[in-house]
Amino acid sequence: LQCSQLKEVLSVWGLKSDLERLDSTVKTIRAVFCTFHRKQAQGFELNEMELDFIQRLRNCVYDAEDLLDEFATLAAQQLQNCKKEERRSPGVFTSTARLC
């Protein structure tokens, strides 16, 4: 979510804050993983239920990261399409151009 053009597209689509929250949640969960890894390195052991929870949470984070990556790719493609459309017909508002 670093690209200013991508942020603009997300804002137009009304998704910017949702994706920023998802990104923030993923970062928070990653920090929890780091804490657990440090504790395990210090000899703290998780029980089976905790290990299962961590594995499920890890899978959710991977899914969320995949979703963010896929959305960023689709938004970038849409942005390229908008730029191509604007070059072909400047000043003409097509349905694609309105998204930019």
PDB file of N, CA and C in Angstrom:
ATOM      1  N   LEU A   1       0.816  -1.205   0.000  1.00  0.00           N
ATOM      2  CA  LEU A   1       0.000   0.000   0.000  1.00  0.00           C
ATOM      3  C   LEU A   1       0.857   1.265   0.000  1.00  0.00           C
ATOM      4  N   GLN A   2       2.060   1.169  -0.512  1.00  0.00           N
ATOM      5  CA  GLN A   2       2.971   2.304  -0.513  1.00  0.00           C
ATOM      6  C   GLN A   2       2.774   3.224  -1.711  1.00  0.00           C
ATOM      7  N   CYS A   3       2.309   2.702  -2.820  1.00  0.00           N
ATOM      8  CA  CYS A   3       2.192   3.471  -4.056  1.00  0.00           C
ATOM      9  C   CYS A   3       1.063   4.501  -3.945  1.00  0.00           C
ATOM     10  N   SER A   4       1.382   5.771  -4.227  1.00  0.00           N
ATOM     11  CA  SER A   4       0.368   6.823  -4.109  1.00  0.00           C
ATOM     12  C   SER A   4      -0.754   6.639  -5.124  1.00  0.00           C
ATOM     13  N   GLN A   5      -0.417   6.149  -6.329  1.00  0.00           N
ATOM     14  CA  GLN A   5      -1.453   5.919  -7.334  1.00  0.00           C
ATOM     15  C   GLN A   5      -2.384   4.805  -6.888  1.00  0.00           C
ATOM     16  N   LEU A   6      -1.827   3.758  -6.280  1.00  0.00           N
ATOM     17  CA  LEU A   6      -2.652   2.667  -5.782  1.00  0.00           C
ATOM     18  C   LEU A   6      -3.568   3.170  -4.665  1.00  0.00           C
ATOM     19  N   LYS A   7      -3.046   4.005  -3.795  1.00  0.00           N
ATOM     20  CA  LYS A   7      -3.871   4.569  -2.719  1.00  0.00           C
ATOM     21  C   LYS A   7      -5.022   5.389  -3.296  1.00  0.00           C
ATOM     22  N   GLU A   8      -4.744   6.105  -4.381  1.00  0.00           N
ATOM     23  CA  GLU A   8      -5.785   6.896  -5.022  1.00  0.00           C
ATOM     24  C   GLU A   8      -6.897   5.995  -5.574  1.00  0.00           C
ATOM     25  N   VAL A   9      -6.499   4.904  -6.244  1.00  0.00           N
ATOM     26  CA  VAL A   9      -7.486   3.961  -6.784  1.00  0.00           C
ATOM     27  C   VAL A   9      -8.302   3.354  -5.643  1.00  0.00           C
ATOM     28  N   LEU A  10      -7.628   2.961  -4.581  1.00  0.00           N
ATOM     29  CA  LEU A  10      -8.332   2.373  -3.436  1.00  0.00           C
ATOM     30  C   LEU A  10      -9.311   3.366  -2.828  1.00  0.00           C
ATOM     31  N   SER A  11      -8.904   4.617  -2.773  1.00  0.00           N
ATOM     32  CA  SER A  11      -9.771   5.643  -2.224  1.00  0.00           C
ATOM     33  C   SER A  11     -11.022   5.817  -3.080  1.00  0.00           C
ATOM     34  N   VAL A  12     -10.841   5.827  -4.401  1.00  0.00           N
ATOM     35  CA  VAL A  12     -11.979   5.955  -5.313  1.00  0.00           C
ATOM     36  C   VAL A  12     -12.925   4.771  -5.145  1.00  0.00           C
ATOM     37  N   TRP A  13     -12.355   3.581  -4.965  1.00  0.00           N
ATOM     38  CA  TRP A  13     -13.179   2.384  -4.805  1.00  0.00           C
ATOM     39  C   TRP A  13     -13.754   2.257  -3.397  1.00  0.00           C
ATOM     40  N   GLY A  14     -13.338   3.135  -2.482  1.00  0.00           N
ATOM     41  CA  GLY A  14     -13.833   3.073  -1.107  1.00  0.00           C
ATOM     42  C   GLY A  14     -13.230   1.943  -0.301  1.00  0.00           C
ATOM     43  N   LEU A  15     -12.057   1.465  -0.675  1.00  0.00           N
ATOM     44  CA  LEU A  15     -11.444   0.308  -0.004  1.00  0.00           C
ATOM     45  C   LEU A  15     -10.152   0.632   0.732  1.00  0.00           C
ATOM     46  N   LYS A  16      -9.703   1.848   0.627  1.00  0.00           N
ATOM     47  CA  LYS A  16      -8.399   2.190   1.188  1.00  0.00           C
ATOM     48  C   LYS A  16      -8.326   1.882   2.683  1.00  0.00           C
ATOM     49  N   SER A  17      -9.283   2.336   3.459  1.00  0.00           N
ATOM     50  CA  SER A  17      -9.218   2.124   4.911  1.00  0.00           C
ATOM     51  C   SER A  17      -9.365   0.643   5.269  1.00  0.00           C
ATOM     52  N   ASP A  18     -10.184  -0.092   4.518  1.00  0.00           N
ATOM     53  CA  ASP A  18     -10.340  -1.528   4.781  1.00  0.00           C
ATOM     54  C   ASP A  18      -9.032  -2.270   4.565  1.00  0.00           C
ATOM     55  N   LEU A  19      -8.356  -1.983   3.455  1.00  0.00           N
ATOM     56  CA  LEU A  19      -7.099  -2.659   3.162  1.00  0.00           C
ATOM     57  C   LEU A  19      -5.987  -2.218   4.110  1.00  0.00           C
ATOM     58  N   GLU A  20      -6.014  -0.963   4.519  1.00  0.00           N
ATOM     59  CA  GLU A  20      -5.020  -0.500   5.495  1.00  0.00           C
ATOM     60  C   GLU A  20      -5.218  -1.211   6.830  1.00  0.00           C
ATOM     61  N   ARG A  21      -6.473  -1.410   7.230  1.00  0.00           N
ATOM     62  CA  ARG A  21      -6.753  -2.146   8.477  1.00  0.00           C
ATOM     63  C   ARG A  21      -6.285  -3.586   8.368  1.00  0.00           C
ATOM     64  N   LEU A  22      -6.544  -4.217   7.233  1.00  0.00           N
ATOM     65  CA  LEU A  22      -6.098  -5.591   7.022  1.00  0.00           C
ATOM     66  C   LEU A  22      -4.579  -5.666   7.074  1.00  0.00           C
ATOM     67  N   ASP A  23      -3.918  -4.733   6.426  1.00  0.00           N
ATOM     68  CA  ASP A  23      -2.456  -4.690   6.441  1.00  0.00           C
ATOM     69  C   ASP A  23      -1.939  -4.508   7.869  1.00  0.00           C
ATOM     70  N   SER A  24      -2.559  -3.642   8.631  1.00  0.00           N
ATOM     71  CA  SER A  24      -2.165  -3.409  10.021  1.00  0.00           C
ATOM     72  C   SER A  24      -2.383  -4.659  10.879  1.00  0.00           C
ATOM     73  N   THR A  25      -3.484  -5.347  10.648  1.00  0.00           N
ATOM     74  CA  THR A  25      -3.772  -6.570  11.393  1.00  0.00           C
ATOM     75  C   THR A  25      -2.727  -7.642  11.097  1.00  0.00           C
ATOM     76  N   VAL A  26      -2.366  -7.781   9.832  1.00  0.00           N
ATOM     77  CA  VAL A  26      -1.346  -8.760   9.454  1.00  0.00           C
ATOM     78  C   VAL A  26      -0.025  -8.432  10.152  1.00  0.00           C
ATOM     79  N   LYS A  27       0.352  -7.166  10.192  1.00  0.00           N
ATOM     80  CA  LYS A  27       1.592  -6.769  10.857  1.00  0.00           C
ATOM     81  C   LYS A  27       1.533  -7.065  12.360  1.00  0.00           C
ATOM     82  N   THR A  28       0.385  -6.838  12.980  1.00  0.00           N
ATOM     83  CA  THR A  28       0.231  -7.121  14.407  1.00  0.00           C
ATOM     84  C   THR A  28       0.367  -8.609  14.681  1.00  0.00           C
ATOM     85  N   ILE A  29      -0.255  -9.431  13.854  1.00  0.00           N
ATOM     86  CA  ILE A  29      -0.178 -10.887  14.036  1.00  0.00           C
ATOM     87  C   ILE A  29       1.256 -11.363  13.829  1.00  0.00           C
ATOM     88  N   ARG A  30       1.949 -10.778  12.869  1.00  0.00           N
ATOM     89  CA  ARG A  30       3.361 -11.134  12.668  1.00  0.00           C
ATOM     90  C   ARG A  30       4.177 -10.819  13.927  1.00  0.00           C
ATOM     91  N   ALA A  31       3.875  -9.698  14.574  1.00  0.00           N
ATOM     92  CA  ALA A  31       4.581  -9.337  15.812  1.00  0.00           C
ATOM     93  C   ALA A  31       4.305 -10.371  16.906  1.00  0.00           C
ATOM     94  N   VAL A  32       3.077 -10.882  16.963  1.00  0.00           N
ATOM     95  CA  VAL A  32       2.737 -11.935  17.933  1.00  0.00           C
ATOM     96  C   VAL A  32       3.561 -13.188  17.638  1.00  0.00           C
ATOM     97  N   PHE A  33       3.679 -13.543  16.364  1.00  0.00           N
ATOM     98  CA  PHE A  33       4.494 -14.705  15.995  1.00  0.00           C
ATOM     99  C   PHE A  33       5.940 -14.528  16.466  1.00  0.00           C
ATOM    100  N   CYS A  34       6.472 -13.341  16.265  1.00  0.00           N
ATOM    101  CA  CYS A  34       7.859 -13.077  16.685  1.00  0.00           C
ATOM    102  C   CYS A  34       8.003 -13.237  18.194  1.00  0.00           C
ATOM    103  N   THR A  35       7.013 -12.768  18.931  1.00  0.00           N
ATOM    104  CA  THR A  35       7.044 -12.909  20.391  1.00  0.00           C
ATOM    105  C   THR A  35       7.039 -14.376  20.784  1.00  0.00           C
ATOM    106  N   PHE A  36       6.177 -15.173  20.159  1.00  0.00           N
ATOM    107  CA  PHE A  36       6.134 -16.606  20.467  1.00  0.00           C
ATOM    108  C   PHE A  36       7.447 -17.298  20.115  1.00  0.00           C
ATOM    109  N   HIS A  37       8.024 -16.921  18.987  1.00  0.00           N
ATOM    110  CA  HIS A  37       9.301 -17.526  18.593  1.00  0.00           C
ATOM    111  C   HIS A  37      10.403 -17.197  19.596  1.00  0.00           C
ATOM    112  N   ARG A  38      10.420 -15.932  20.065  1.00  0.00           N
ATOM    113  CA  ARG A  38      11.418 -15.545  21.070  1.00  0.00           C
ATOM    114  C   ARG A  38      11.220 -16.329  22.370  1.00  0.00           C
ATOM    115  N   LYS A  39       9.961 -16.472  22.776  1.00  0.00           N
ATOM    116  CA  LYS A  39       9.680 -17.211  24.014  1.00  0.00           C
ATOM    117  C   LYS A  39      10.076 -18.680  23.877  1.00  0.00           C
ATOM    118  N   GLN A  40       9.798 -19.255  22.722  1.00  0.00           N
ATOM    119  CA  GLN A  40      10.187 -20.648  22.505  1.00  0.00           C
ATOM    120  C   GLN A  40      11.710 -20.784  22.529  1.00  0.00           C
ATOM    121  N   ALA A  41      12.402 -19.805  21.992  1.00  0.00           N
ATOM    122  CA  ALA A  41      13.863 -19.836  21.994  1.00  0.00           C
ATOM    123  C   ALA A  41      14.414 -19.746  23.417  1.00  0.00           C
ATOM    124  N   GLN A  42      13.626 -19.141  24.320  1.00  0.00           N
ATOM    125  CA  GLN A  42      14.035 -19.019  25.723  1.00  0.00           C
ATOM    126  C   GLN A  42      13.566 -20.212  26.563  1.00  0.00           C
ATOM    127  N   GLY A  43      12.986 -21.223  25.909  1.00  0.00           N
ATOM    128  CA  GLY A  43      12.581 -22.425  26.619  1.00  0.00           C
ATOM    129  C   GLY A  43      11.100 -22.513  26.973  1.00  0.00           C
ATOM    130  N   PHE A  44      10.325 -21.493  26.651  1.00  0.00           N
ATOM    131  CA  PHE A  44       8.884 -21.510  26.903  1.00  0.00           C
ATOM    132  C   PHE A  44       8.232 -22.469  25.911  1.00  0.00           C
ATOM    133  N   GLU A  45       7.420 -23.388  26.406  1.00  0.00           N
ATOM    134  CA  GLU A  45       6.789 -24.371  25.519  1.00  0.00           C
ATOM    135  C   GLU A  45       5.284 -24.125  25.423  1.00  0.00           C
ATOM    136  N   LEU A  46       4.777 -24.226  24.211  1.00  0.00           N
ATOM    137  CA  LEU A  46       3.343 -24.089  23.967  1.00  0.00           C
ATOM    138  C   LEU A  46       2.707 -25.465  24.033  1.00  0.00           C
ATOM    139  N   ASN A  47       1.465 -25.495  24.545  1.00  0.00           N
ATOM    140  CA  ASN A  47       0.762 -26.777  24.544  1.00  0.00           C
ATOM    141  C   ASN A  47       0.177 -27.034  23.159  1.00  0.00           C
ATOM    142  N   GLU A  48      -0.405 -28.190  22.967  1.00  0.00           N
ATOM    143  CA  GLU A  48      -0.906 -28.595  21.649  1.00  0.00           C
ATOM    144  C   GLU A  48      -1.983 -27.657  21.126  1.00  0.00           C
ATOM    145  N   MET A  49      -2.868 -27.213  22.006  1.00  0.00           N
ATOM    146  CA  MET A  49      -3.943 -26.306  21.596  1.00  0.00           C
ATOM    147  C   MET A  49      -3.360 -24.960  21.142  1.00  0.00           C
ATOM    148  N   GLU A  50      -2.365 -24.459  21.854  1.00  0.00           N
ATOM    149  CA  GLU A  50      -1.741 -23.191  21.475  1.00  0.00           C
ATOM    150  C   GLU A  50      -0.998 -23.320  20.144  1.00  0.00           C
ATOM    151  N   LEU A  51      -0.311 -24.429  19.951  1.00  0.00           N
ATOM    152  CA  LEU A  51       0.384 -24.659  18.686  1.00  0.00           C
ATOM    153  C   LEU A  51      -0.595 -24.740  17.523  1.00  0.00           C
ATOM    154  N   ASP A  52      -1.732 -25.409  17.756  1.00  0.00           N
ATOM    155  CA  ASP A  52      -2.763 -25.497  16.718  1.00  0.00           C
ATOM    156  C   ASP A  52      -3.307 -24.103  16.386  1.00  0.00           C
ATOM    157  N   PHE A  53      -3.552 -23.301  17.428  1.00  0.00           N
ATOM    158  CA  PHE A  53      -4.047 -21.945  17.220  1.00  0.00           C
ATOM    159  C   PHE A  53      -3.052 -21.117  16.412  1.00  0.00           C
ATOM    160  N   ILE A  54      -1.782 -21.213  16.779  1.00  0.00           N
ATOM    161  CA  ILE A  54      -0.748 -20.457  16.064  1.00  0.00           C
ATOM    162  C   ILE A  54      -0.689 -20.892  14.596  1.00  0.00           C
ATOM    163  N   GLN A  55      -0.802 -22.178  14.342  1.00  0.00           N
ATOM    164  CA  GLN A  55      -0.769 -22.659  12.959  1.00  0.00           C
ATOM    165  C   GLN A  55      -1.975 -22.152  12.164  1.00  0.00           C
ATOM    166  N   ARG A  56      -3.133 -22.182  12.775  1.00  0.00           N
ATOM    167  CA  ARG A  56      -4.333 -21.669  12.090  1.00  0.00           C
ATOM    168  C   ARG A  56      -4.210 -20.167  11.820  1.00  0.00           C
ATOM    169  N   LEU A  57      -3.695 -19.453  12.811  1.00  0.00           N
ATOM    170  CA  LEU A  57      -3.510 -18.013  12.659  1.00  0.00           C
ATOM    171  C   LEU A  57      -2.490 -17.726  11.562  1.00  0.00           C
ATOM    172  N   ARG A  58      -1.423 -18.510  11.509  1.00  0.00           N
ATOM    173  CA  ARG A  58      -0.401 -18.352  10.471  1.00  0.00           C
ATOM    174  C   ARG A  58      -1.032 -18.553   9.085  1.00  0.00           C
ATOM    175  N   ASN A  59      -1.871 -19.570   8.954  1.00  0.00           N
ATOM    176  CA  ASN A  59      -2.542 -19.821   7.674  1.00  0.00           C
ATOM    177  C   ASN A  59      -3.439 -18.642   7.278  1.00  0.00           C
ATOM    178  N   CYS A  60      -4.118 -18.054   8.264  1.00  0.00           N
ATOM    179  CA  CYS A  60      -4.968 -16.888   7.985  1.00  0.00           C
ATOM    180  C   CYS A  60      -4.129 -15.711   7.491  1.00  0.00           C
ATOM    181  N   VAL A  61      -2.968 -15.522   8.107  1.00  0.00           N
ATOM    182  CA  VAL A  61      -2.092 -14.422   7.688  1.00  0.00           C
ATOM    183  C   VAL A  61      -1.610 -14.645   6.263  1.00  0.00           C
ATOM    184  N   TYR A  62      -1.231 -15.874   5.945  1.00  0.00           N
ATOM    185  CA  TYR A  62      -0.805 -16.162   4.575  1.00  0.00           C
ATOM    186  C   TYR A  62      -1.928 -15.865   3.591  1.00  0.00           C
ATOM    187  N   ASP A  63      -3.156 -16.262   3.935  1.00  0.00           N
ATOM    188  CA  ASP A  63      -4.302 -15.981   3.065  1.00  0.00           C
ATOM    189  C   ASP A  63      -4.517 -14.475   2.910  1.00  0.00           C
ATOM    190  N   ALA A  64      -4.400 -13.740   4.022  1.00  0.00           N
ATOM    191  CA  ALA A  64      -4.593 -12.289   3.968  1.00  0.00           C
ATOM    192  C   ALA A  64      -3.507 -11.636   3.117  1.00  0.00           C
ATOM    193  N   GLU A  65      -2.266 -12.082   3.274  1.00  0.00           N
ATOM    194  CA  GLU A  65      -1.177 -11.536   2.456  1.00  0.00           C
ATOM    195  C   GLU A  65      -1.403 -11.835   0.976  1.00  0.00           C
ATOM    196  N   ASP A  66      -1.858 -13.042   0.675  1.00  0.00           N
ATOM    197  CA  ASP A  66      -2.168 -13.390  -0.717  1.00  0.00           C
ATOM    198  C   ASP A  66      -3.259 -12.483  -1.267  1.00  0.00           C
ATOM    199  N   LEU A  67      -4.276 -12.224  -0.453  1.00  0.00           N
ATOM    200  CA  LEU A  67      -5.372 -11.353  -0.864  1.00  0.00           C
ATOM    201  C   LEU A  67      -4.867  -9.938  -1.127  1.00  0.00           C
ATOM    202  N   LEU A  68      -4.023  -9.420  -0.231  1.00  0.00           N
ATOM    203  CA  LEU A  68      -3.461  -8.087  -0.429  1.00  0.00           C
ATOM    204  C   LEU A  68      -2.628  -8.022  -1.707  1.00  0.00           C
ATOM    205  N   ASP A  69      -1.801  -9.037  -1.920  1.00  0.00           N
ATOM    206  CA  ASP A  69      -0.976  -9.077  -3.135  1.00  0.00           C
ATOM    207  C   ASP A  69      -1.830  -9.139  -4.389  1.00  0.00           C
ATOM    208  N   GLU A  70      -2.857  -9.975  -4.350  1.00  0.00           N
ATOM    209  CA  GLU A  70      -3.729 -10.112  -5.518  1.00  0.00           C
ATOM    210  C   GLU A  70      -4.469  -8.809  -5.803  1.00  0.00           C
ATOM    211  N   PHE A  71      -4.948  -8.175  -4.750  1.00  0.00           N
ATOM    212  CA  PHE A  71      -5.662  -6.920  -4.942  1.00  0.00           C
ATOM    213  C   PHE A  71      -4.722  -5.844  -5.483  1.00  0.00           C
ATOM    214  N   ALA A  72      -3.509  -5.777  -4.951  1.00  0.00           N
ATOM    215  CA  ALA A  72      -2.540  -4.785  -5.434  1.00  0.00           C
ATOM    216  C   ALA A  72      -2.251  -5.001  -6.911  1.00  0.00           C
ATOM    217  N   THR A  73      -2.141  -6.263  -7.319  1.00  0.00           N
ATOM    218  CA  THR A  73      -1.896  -6.577  -8.733  1.00  0.00           C
ATOM    219  C   THR A  73      -3.073  -6.137  -9.594  1.00  0.00           C
ATOM    220  N   LEU A  74      -4.288  -6.460  -9.153  1.00  0.00           N
ATOM    221  CA  LEU A  74      -5.480  -6.072  -9.916  1.00  0.00           C
ATOM    222  C   LEU A  74      -5.629  -4.557  -9.988  1.00  0.00           C
ATOM    223  N   ALA A  75      -5.358  -3.885  -8.886  1.00  0.00           N
ATOM    224  CA  ALA A  75      -5.465  -2.422  -8.879  1.00  0.00           C
ATOM    225  C   ALA A  75      -4.425  -1.807  -9.802  1.00  0.00           C
ATOM    226  N   ALA A  76      -3.217  -2.348  -9.801  1.00  0.00           N
ATOM    227  CA  ALA A  76      -2.166  -1.836 -10.690  1.00  0.00           C
ATOM    228  C   ALA A  76      -2.556  -2.043 -12.154  1.00  0.00           C
ATOM    229  N   GLN A  77      -3.136  -3.198 -12.464  1.00  0.00           N
ATOM    230  CA  GLN A  77      -3.589  -3.458 -13.837  1.00  0.00           C
ATOM    231  C   GLN A  77      -4.693  -2.485 -14.222  1.00  0.00           C
ATOM    232  N   GLN A  78      -5.616  -2.231 -13.304  1.00  0.00           N
ATOM    233  CA  GLN A  78      -6.704  -1.287 -13.573  1.00  0.00           C
ATOM    234  C   GLN A  78      -6.147   0.109 -13.803  1.00  0.00           C
ATOM    235  N   LEU A  79      -5.152   0.477 -13.022  1.00  0.00           N
ATOM    236  CA  LEU A  79      -4.529   1.781 -13.172  1.00  0.00           C
ATOM    237  C   LEU A  79      -3.862   1.906 -14.534  1.00  0.00           C
ATOM    238  N   GLN A  80      -3.179   0.848 -14.970  1.00  0.00           N
ATOM    239  CA  GLN A  80      -2.561   0.859 -16.308  1.00  0.00           C
ATOM    240  C   GLN A  80      -3.622   0.991 -17.385  1.00  0.00           C
ATOM    241  N   ASN A  81      -4.726   0.268 -17.243  1.00  0.00           N
ATOM    242  CA  ASN A  81      -5.812   0.352 -18.222  1.00  0.00           C
ATOM    243  C   ASN A  81      -6.381   1.758 -18.287  1.00  0.00           C
ATOM    244  N   CYS A  82      -6.510   2.396 -17.121  1.00  0.00           N
ATOM    245  CA  CYS A  82      -7.030   3.764 -17.086  1.00  0.00           C
ATOM    246  C   CYS A  82      -6.095   4.712 -17.825  1.00  0.00           C
ATOM    247  N   LYS A  83      -4.786   4.553 -17.591  1.00  0.00           N
ATOM    248  CA  LYS A  83      -3.818   5.425 -18.250  1.00  0.00           C
ATOM    249  C   LYS A  83      -3.840   5.224 -19.764  1.00  0.00           C
ATOM    250  N   LYS A  84      -3.963   3.969 -20.204  1.00  0.00           N
ATOM    251  CA  LYS A  84      -4.040   3.689 -21.641  1.00  0.00           C
ATOM    252  C   LYS A  84      -5.286   4.334 -22.228  1.00  0.00           C
ATOM    253  N   GLU A  85      -6.400   4.217 -21.535  1.00  0.00           N
ATOM    254  CA  GLU A  85      -7.664   4.777 -22.002  1.00  0.00           C
ATOM    255  C   GLU A  85      -7.575   6.298 -22.082  1.00  0.00           C
ATOM    256  N   GLU A  86      -6.944   6.919 -21.095  1.00  0.00           N
ATOM    257  CA  GLU A  86      -6.803   8.377 -21.097  1.00  0.00           C
ATOM    258  C   GLU A  86      -5.939   8.842 -22.268  1.00  0.00           C
ATOM    259  N   ARG A  87      -4.898   8.066 -22.615  1.00  0.00           N
ATOM    260  CA  ARG A  87      -4.037   8.440 -23.738  1.00  0.00           C
ATOM    261  C   ARG A  87      -4.782   8.320 -25.064  1.00  0.00           C
ATOM    262  N   ARG A  88      -5.659   7.316 -25.153  1.00  0.00           N
ATOM    263  CA  ARG A  88      -6.410   7.099 -26.400  1.00  0.00           C
ATOM    264  C   ARG A  88      -7.474   8.164 -26.615  1.00  0.00           C
ATOM    265  N   SER A  89      -8.141   8.560 -25.532  1.00  0.00           N
ATOM    266  CA  SER A  89      -9.242   9.512 -25.672  1.00  0.00           C
ATOM    267  C   SER A  89      -9.228  10.517 -24.526  1.00  0.00           C
ATOM    268  N   PRO A  90      -8.293  11.448 -24.533  1.00  0.00           N
ATOM    269  CA  PRO A  90      -8.216  12.436 -23.455  1.00  0.00           C
ATOM    270  C   PRO A  90      -9.491  13.272 -23.392  1.00  0.00           C
ATOM    271  N   GLY A  91      -9.956  13.472 -22.171  1.00  0.00           N
ATOM    272  CA  GLY A  91     -11.134  14.304 -21.980  1.00  0.00           C
ATOM    273  C   GLY A  91     -12.444  13.549 -22.134  1.00  0.00           C
ATOM    274  N   VAL A  92     -12.418  12.328 -22.597  1.00  0.00           N
ATOM    275  CA  VAL A  92     -13.625  11.544 -22.755  1.00  0.00           C
ATOM    276  C   VAL A  92     -13.734  10.620 -21.537  1.00  0.00           C
ATOM    277  N   PHE A  93     -14.834  10.682 -20.822  1.00  0.00           N
ATOM    278  CA  PHE A  93     -15.001   9.875 -19.623  1.00  0.00           C
ATOM    279  C   PHE A  93     -15.714   8.591 -19.958  1.00  0.00           C
ATOM    280  N   THR A  94     -14.948   7.510 -19.962  1.00  0.00           N
ATOM    281  CA  THR A  94     -15.554   6.196 -20.142  1.00  0.00           C
ATOM    282  C   THR A  94     -15.735   5.595 -18.754  1.00  0.00           C
ATOM    283  N   SER A  95     -16.381   4.457 -18.672  1.00  0.00           N
ATOM    284  CA  SER A  95     -16.577   3.809 -17.380  1.00  0.00           C
ATOM    285  C   SER A  95     -15.248   3.461 -16.744  1.00  0.00           C
ATOM    286  N   THR A  96     -14.251   3.095 -17.524  1.00  0.00           N
ATOM    287  CA  THR A  96     -12.931   2.772 -16.978  1.00  0.00           C
ATOM    288  C   THR A  96     -12.238   4.041 -16.505  1.00  0.00           C
ATOM    289  N   ALA A  97     -12.322   5.102 -17.264  1.00  0.00           N
ATOM    290  CA  ALA A  97     -11.626   6.335 -16.919  1.00  0.00           C
ATOM    291  C   ALA A  97     -12.176   6.930 -15.620  1.00  0.00           C
ATOM    292  N   ARG A  98     -13.449   6.731 -15.318  1.00  0.00           N
ATOM    293  CA  ARG A  98     -14.026   7.273 -14.093  1.00  0.00           C
ATOM    294  C   ARG A  98     -13.416   6.646 -12.851  1.00  0.00           C
ATOM    295  N   LEU A  99     -12.827   5.472 -12.963  1.00  0.00           N
ATOM    296  CA  LEU A  99     -12.228   4.827 -11.813  1.00  0.00           C
ATOM    297  C   LEU A  99     -10.889   5.456 -11.433  1.00  0.00           C
ATOM    298  N   CYS A 100     -10.312   6.237 -12.339  1.00  0.00           N
ATOM    299  CA  CYS A 100      -8.991   6.836 -12.074  1.00  0.00           C
ATOM    300  C   CYS A 100      -9.127   8.171 -11.374  1.00  0.00           C
TER     301      CYS A 100
END
